[in-house]
Amino acid sequence: MTPRAARSEKVSATRETILTVAERMFAEHGVFTVSNRQISEAAGQGNNAAVGYHFGTKTDLLRAIVRKHGERINELREQMLADAGDSAGVRDWVACLVRPSTRHLTELGSPTWYARFGAQLMTDPVLRELMIDETFGPSIQQTMDGLNRCLPELPLPVRIERGDMARHLLVHTLAERERALADGTHTARSSWDAYASGLIDAITGLWLAPVTDGP
């Protein structure tokens, strides 16, 4: 290995270590309570400015974590979309929203931190935009288009309202199960795959629920 290649490999390994440590610390202690200096120290970096050197600002670091996971989740969703085709079943499209995330969490092994990390970003008005910018792409749009085709009679305001409800249910229930696993407490289902099935059932029911007219 040439000196340049060795250095490149070392830099890549350092960046990966920082990303993993930062994600864990953010998930466990909160995005706003953990400093770049604390992350550098926990990652074993002698230079307390290592995070800034490799990533820039904290926002840049958060974006890098989202991208790291978002790319794989998008790949898994594209695979599911290929199988869904032109399905007329609401449940099929809801599965394309849910299972890519749970399959990714399964692939990561145990423990994981990304679900709790993502939930924190989605509850902050500024960081929420970062999360959406990085994760909302063609595969999500295709999934929502397929879902909307299955619900032509659903009024637009109700469609928007239930989309918000479904997003909250997805983001926060995944985070809750991840937190329970980290704490060693009971979870209703034994695996992420089984958990996804229950979540898909619930969100499908949400989309298909009757609409009440008036106040």
Foldseek 3Di string as FASTA:
>chain_A
DDPVVVVVVVLVVLLVLLLVQLLVCCLVPNLVVDDCLNSCVVSVHPDSCVCCVNQNDSLSSLLVNLLVLLVQLLVVLVVLCVVCPLPLDLLSLLLSVAVSVQVSCVVVPPQDRVLSNVLRLCVDPVSVVSNCVNRDDDSNVVSVVSNCVNVVPDDPVLVVVLVVVLVCLRSVVVSVVSVCVVVVHDDPDDGSVVVSVVSSVVSSCSVPPDDDPDD
